[in-house]
Protein backbone atom coordinates (compact mmCIF):
# COMPACT_ATOMS: atom_id res chain seq x y z
CA MET A 1 -83.11 0.84 44.83
CA THR A 2 -79.28 1.00 45.11
CA VAL A 3 -77.13 -1.93 46.27
CA GLU A 4 -76.17 0.02 49.40
CA ARG A 5 -79.79 0.64 50.32
CA LYS A 6 -80.64 -3.02 49.78
CA GLY A 7 -77.79 -3.98 52.11
CA ARG A 8 -79.07 -1.60 54.75
CA HIS A 9 -82.58 -2.93 54.54
CA ALA A 10 -81.36 -6.53 54.63
CA SER A 11 -79.33 -5.89 57.79
CA ALA A 12 -82.24 -4.20 59.52
CA ALA A 13 -84.62 -6.96 58.48
CA VAL A 14 -82.33 -9.69 59.83
CA ILE A 15 -81.99 -8.02 63.21
CA GLY A 16 -85.68 -7.16 63.40
CA VAL A 17 -86.72 -10.77 62.70
CA LEU A 18 -84.23 -12.11 65.23
CA THR A 19 -85.59 -9.78 67.89
CA LEU A 20 -89.15 -10.99 67.32
CA VAL A 21 -88.12 -14.67 67.30
CA LEU A 22 -86.18 -14.33 70.54
CA GLY A 23 -89.08 -12.56 72.20
CA PHE A 24 -91.29 -15.49 71.28
CA GLY A 25 -88.66 -17.91 72.59
CA ILE A 26 -88.55 -16.34 76.04
CA ALA A 27 -92.34 -16.16 76.31
CA VAL A 28 -92.76 -19.78 75.23
CA GLN A 29 -90.16 -21.16 77.63
CA VAL A 30 -91.53 -19.25 80.60
CA HIS A 31 -95.08 -20.43 79.76
CA ALA A 32 -93.95 -24.03 79.32
CA ASN A 33 -92.14 -24.09 82.64
CA SER A 34 -95.11 -22.61 84.48
CA SER A 35 -97.52 -25.25 83.16
CA ASN A 36 -95.38 -28.38 83.54
CA ASP A 37 -97.11 -30.75 85.97
CA ALA A 38 -93.95 -32.81 86.40
CA LEU A 39 -92.37 -30.02 88.46
CA SER A 40 -94.97 -30.57 91.17
CA ASN A 41 -93.04 -33.67 92.30
CA LEU A 42 -89.75 -31.85 92.87
CA ARG A 43 -88.37 -30.71 96.22
CA GLU A 44 -88.61 -27.09 97.24
CA ASP A 45 -84.83 -26.65 96.91
CA ASP A 46 -84.95 -28.07 93.37
CA LEU A 47 -87.83 -25.78 92.41
CA ILE A 48 -85.93 -22.77 93.76
CA GLY A 49 -82.88 -23.87 91.77
CA ILE A 50 -84.93 -24.24 88.60
CA LEU A 51 -86.49 -20.81 89.09
CA ASP A 52 -83.13 -19.15 89.75
CA ASN A 53 -81.63 -20.83 86.70
CA GLN A 54 -84.49 -19.86 84.42
CA ASN A 55 -84.45 -16.28 85.67
CA ALA A 56 -80.74 -16.07 84.94
CA ARG A 57 -81.14 -17.55 81.45
CA ALA A 58 -84.12 -15.31 80.69
CA GLU A 59 -82.11 -12.27 81.76
CA ARG A 60 -79.25 -13.27 79.46
CA LEU A 61 -81.68 -13.67 76.57
CA ARG A 62 -83.30 -10.32 77.31
CA GLN A 63 -79.87 -8.71 77.25
CA GLN A 64 -79.17 -10.33 73.91
CA ILE A 65 -82.45 -8.94 72.57
CA ALA A 66 -81.58 -5.49 73.91
CA ASP A 67 -78.24 -5.68 72.09
CA LEU A 68 -79.99 -6.64 68.86
CA GLN A 69 -82.46 -3.79 69.22
CA GLN A 70 -79.57 -1.38 69.81
CA ASN A 71 -77.85 -2.67 66.68
CA LEU A 72 -81.07 -2.14 64.72
CA ARG A 73 -81.36 1.46 65.94
CA GLN A 74 -77.75 2.12 64.98
CA LEU A 75 -78.34 0.76 61.51
CA GLN A 76 -81.46 2.87 61.08
CA ASP A 77 -79.84 6.04 62.46
CA SER A 78 -76.45 5.86 60.77
CA GLY A 79 -77.30 3.98 57.59
CA ASP A 80 -74.59 1.43 58.37
CA ARG A 81 -74.50 -0.93 55.39
CA SER A 82 -71.30 -2.77 56.14
CA ALA A 83 -70.87 -6.53 55.97
CA ALA A 84 -69.53 -6.37 59.53
CA ALA A 85 -72.95 -5.31 60.83
CA ARG A 86 -74.66 -8.19 59.07
CA GLN A 87 -72.02 -10.59 60.40
CA GLN A 88 -72.63 -9.33 63.93
CA ALA A 89 -76.33 -10.07 63.60
CA ALA A 90 -75.57 -13.57 62.32
CA ASP A 91 -73.16 -14.20 65.21
CA GLN A 92 -75.81 -13.12 67.71
CA ALA A 93 -78.33 -15.47 66.11
CA ASP A 94 -75.89 -18.40 66.32
CA ALA A 95 -75.10 -17.74 69.98
CA LEU A 96 -78.76 -17.60 70.93
CA GLY A 97 -79.53 -20.70 68.89
CA VAL A 98 -77.02 -22.62 71.00
CA LEU A 99 -78.49 -21.33 74.28
CA LEU A 100 -82.06 -22.08 73.18
CA GLY A 101 -81.14 -25.52 71.87
CA THR A 102 -82.25 -24.80 68.31
CA LEU A 103 -78.73 -25.17 66.84
CA PRO A 104 -76.08 -27.91 67.19
CA ALA A 105 -73.02 -26.97 69.21
CA THR A 106 -69.41 -27.99 69.64
CA GLY A 107 -66.68 -27.05 72.07
CA PRO A 108 -64.78 -28.25 75.14
CA GLY A 109 -66.78 -29.99 77.82
CA VAL A 110 -67.45 -33.27 79.58
CA SER A 111 -68.97 -36.69 78.98
CA VAL A 112 -70.80 -38.09 82.00
CA THR A 113 -71.90 -41.67 82.63
CA VAL A 114 -74.23 -42.59 85.50
CA THR A 115 -74.73 -46.26 86.39
CA ASP A 116 -77.61 -47.58 88.50
CA PRO A 117 -77.17 -51.34 89.01
CA ASP A 118 -79.61 -51.44 91.93
CA HIS A 119 -82.25 -49.35 90.11
CA LYS A 120 -82.52 -46.89 92.98
CA LEU A 121 -81.98 -43.58 91.22
CA THR A 122 -85.01 -41.44 90.44
CA GLY A 123 -85.69 -38.81 87.81
CA GLU A 124 -85.21 -36.23 90.53
CA ASP A 125 -81.71 -37.55 91.28
CA LEU A 126 -80.77 -37.40 87.61
CA TYR A 127 -82.24 -33.92 87.25
CA ASP A 128 -79.66 -32.86 89.82
CA VAL A 129 -76.97 -33.80 87.29
CA VAL A 130 -78.50 -31.34 84.83
CA GLN A 131 -78.81 -28.66 87.48
CA GLU A 132 -75.20 -29.00 88.60
CA LEU A 133 -74.02 -28.68 85.00
CA ARG A 134 -76.21 -25.63 84.44
CA GLY A 135 -75.03 -24.04 87.65
CA ALA A 136 -71.41 -24.59 86.61
CA GLY A 137 -71.97 -22.70 83.35
CA ALA A 138 -72.74 -25.44 80.81
CA GLU A 139 -73.89 -23.71 77.63
CA ALA A 140 -75.35 -26.80 75.93
CA ILE A 141 -76.39 -30.17 77.41
CA GLN A 142 -77.57 -33.40 75.86
CA PHE A 143 -79.06 -36.11 78.09
CA GLY A 144 -79.20 -39.38 76.17
CA PRO A 145 -80.88 -38.47 72.85
CA VAL A 146 -82.56 -35.33 74.24
CA ARG A 147 -81.29 -31.74 74.01
CA VAL A 148 -81.77 -30.14 77.42
CA THR A 149 -83.52 -26.76 77.56
CA THR A 150 -85.01 -24.61 80.32
CA THR A 151 -88.25 -26.61 80.01
CA THR A 152 -86.61 -30.04 80.47
CA TRP A 153 -88.05 -32.38 83.11
CA LEU A 154 -87.18 -35.87 84.36
CA VAL A 155 -89.43 -38.36 86.16
CA GLY A 156 -89.31 -42.06 86.93
CA SER A 157 -87.42 -44.62 89.03
CA GLY A 158 -86.49 -48.31 89.11
CA GLY A 159 -83.81 -48.08 86.43
CA SER A 160 -86.00 -46.29 83.92
CA VAL A 161 -86.78 -42.59 83.63
CA GLN A 162 -88.42 -40.22 81.20
CA ILE A 163 -86.82 -36.99 80.04
CA ASP A 164 -89.20 -34.70 78.22
CA GLY A 165 -91.33 -37.75 77.45
CA THR A 166 -88.48 -39.92 76.11
CA SER A 167 -87.87 -43.16 78.05
CA LEU A 168 -84.29 -43.99 79.05
CA SER A 169 -82.73 -46.81 81.04
CA ALA A 170 -79.45 -47.01 82.94
CA PRO A 171 -76.62 -46.40 82.32
CA TYR A 172 -77.41 -42.77 81.60
CA ARG A 173 -75.10 -40.68 79.43
CA VAL A 174 -74.85 -36.91 79.45
CA THR A 175 -72.67 -34.55 77.43
CA ALA A 176 -72.19 -30.88 78.20
CA ILE A 177 -70.23 -28.00 76.69
CA GLY A 178 -68.46 -25.62 79.02
CA ASP A 179 -65.22 -25.35 80.95
CA PRO A 180 -64.30 -29.04 81.50
CA LYS A 181 -62.58 -28.60 84.85
CA THR A 182 -65.39 -26.45 86.28
CA LEU A 183 -68.09 -28.91 85.16
CA ASP A 184 -66.14 -31.88 86.56
CA THR A 185 -65.63 -30.13 89.89
CA ALA A 186 -69.32 -29.22 90.15
CA LEU A 187 -70.44 -32.81 89.66
CA ASN A 188 -67.99 -34.13 92.24
CA ILE A 189 -68.39 -31.62 95.07
CA PRO A 190 -68.55 -33.37 98.47
CA GLY A 191 -72.11 -34.33 99.32
CA GLY A 192 -73.28 -33.51 95.80
CA VAL A 193 -74.81 -35.49 92.98
CA ALA A 194 -71.91 -37.96 92.68
CA ALA A 195 -72.32 -38.81 96.36
CA THR A 196 -76.06 -39.36 95.81
CA VAL A 197 -75.32 -41.78 92.98
CA ARG A 198 -72.78 -43.70 95.05
CA ALA A 199 -75.20 -43.92 97.99
CA ALA A 200 -77.68 -45.59 95.62
CA GLY A 201 -75.08 -48.18 94.62
CA GLY A 202 -74.10 -46.58 91.32
CA GLU A 203 -71.19 -44.60 89.93
CA LEU A 204 -70.90 -41.21 88.27
CA THR A 205 -67.84 -40.88 86.03
CA VAL A 206 -66.74 -37.72 84.26
CA SER A 207 -64.40 -37.46 81.27
CA GLU A 208 -62.99 -34.02 80.49
CA LEU A 209 -62.78 -33.49 76.73
CA ASP A 210 -61.23 -30.88 74.46
CA ARG A 211 -64.08 -31.26 72.01
CA VAL A 212 -67.71 -32.26 72.55
CA SER A 213 -70.31 -32.31 69.78
CA ILE A 214 -74.00 -31.91 70.56
CA THR A 215 -75.99 -32.50 67.39
CA VAL A 216 -79.52 -32.88 68.75
CA THR A 217 -81.66 -29.75 68.45
CA ARG A 218 -85.07 -28.59 69.61
CA THR A 219 -87.72 -26.47 67.92
CA LEU A 220 -89.47 -23.66 69.75
CA PRO A 221 -93.21 -24.30 70.03
CA LYS A 222 -95.51 -21.58 68.81
CA PRO A 223 -96.96 -19.60 71.74
CA ARG A 224 -100.74 -19.75 72.12
CA TYR A 225 -101.22 -16.58 74.13
CA ALA A 226 -98.00 -14.62 74.53
CA LYS A 227 -96.45 -12.28 71.98
CA PRO A 228 -93.53 -9.84 72.13
CA SER A 229 -94.43 -6.43 73.50
CA GLY A 230 -93.01 -3.09 72.59
């Protein structure tokens, strides 16, 4: 087998594997969200927000998969063996790893601190912080020691909450990567999450940063029932 043919096969194999992995990722996250009992305690508006957010993220991931499949077809049809094609596949994998929480991330963003001296905030209140950041375009979020994904849940009250099963106590610290000004504005909109925190006797402070590092990662669980179709 020639070097060129090996390069072609390697490129196609990389993209093919990525497509299968991403298909599994979407199926697993949708299944996990649908079976999470903790969501039963959320308000209807919060549930609608979670659904809208997940649908949007799933659509972005499906589009990424479609792009990868198109790249694979182009490689197969044209025999493209260039290093640029392999680099494109690697870049796609990195981008999706950040969105899925399986890779560390760095970039501009915000550092958020939420105090709760009277122990009045609930997991639902703190979940609103995550939702506001997501809605404002945060591409990676870390809440305490936990990497936030589409399956993340928060429960608890009285100065102590659980996020994805990890117990945390106030003050709560959140970092997010995205446009700093947009994220700051979203958290401080009148009547929003900052107002909720203040009404409970606490404070929500936001620091806009040129560089935020999120090192915590998650692994995708293996699906029990779902598998990529097509």
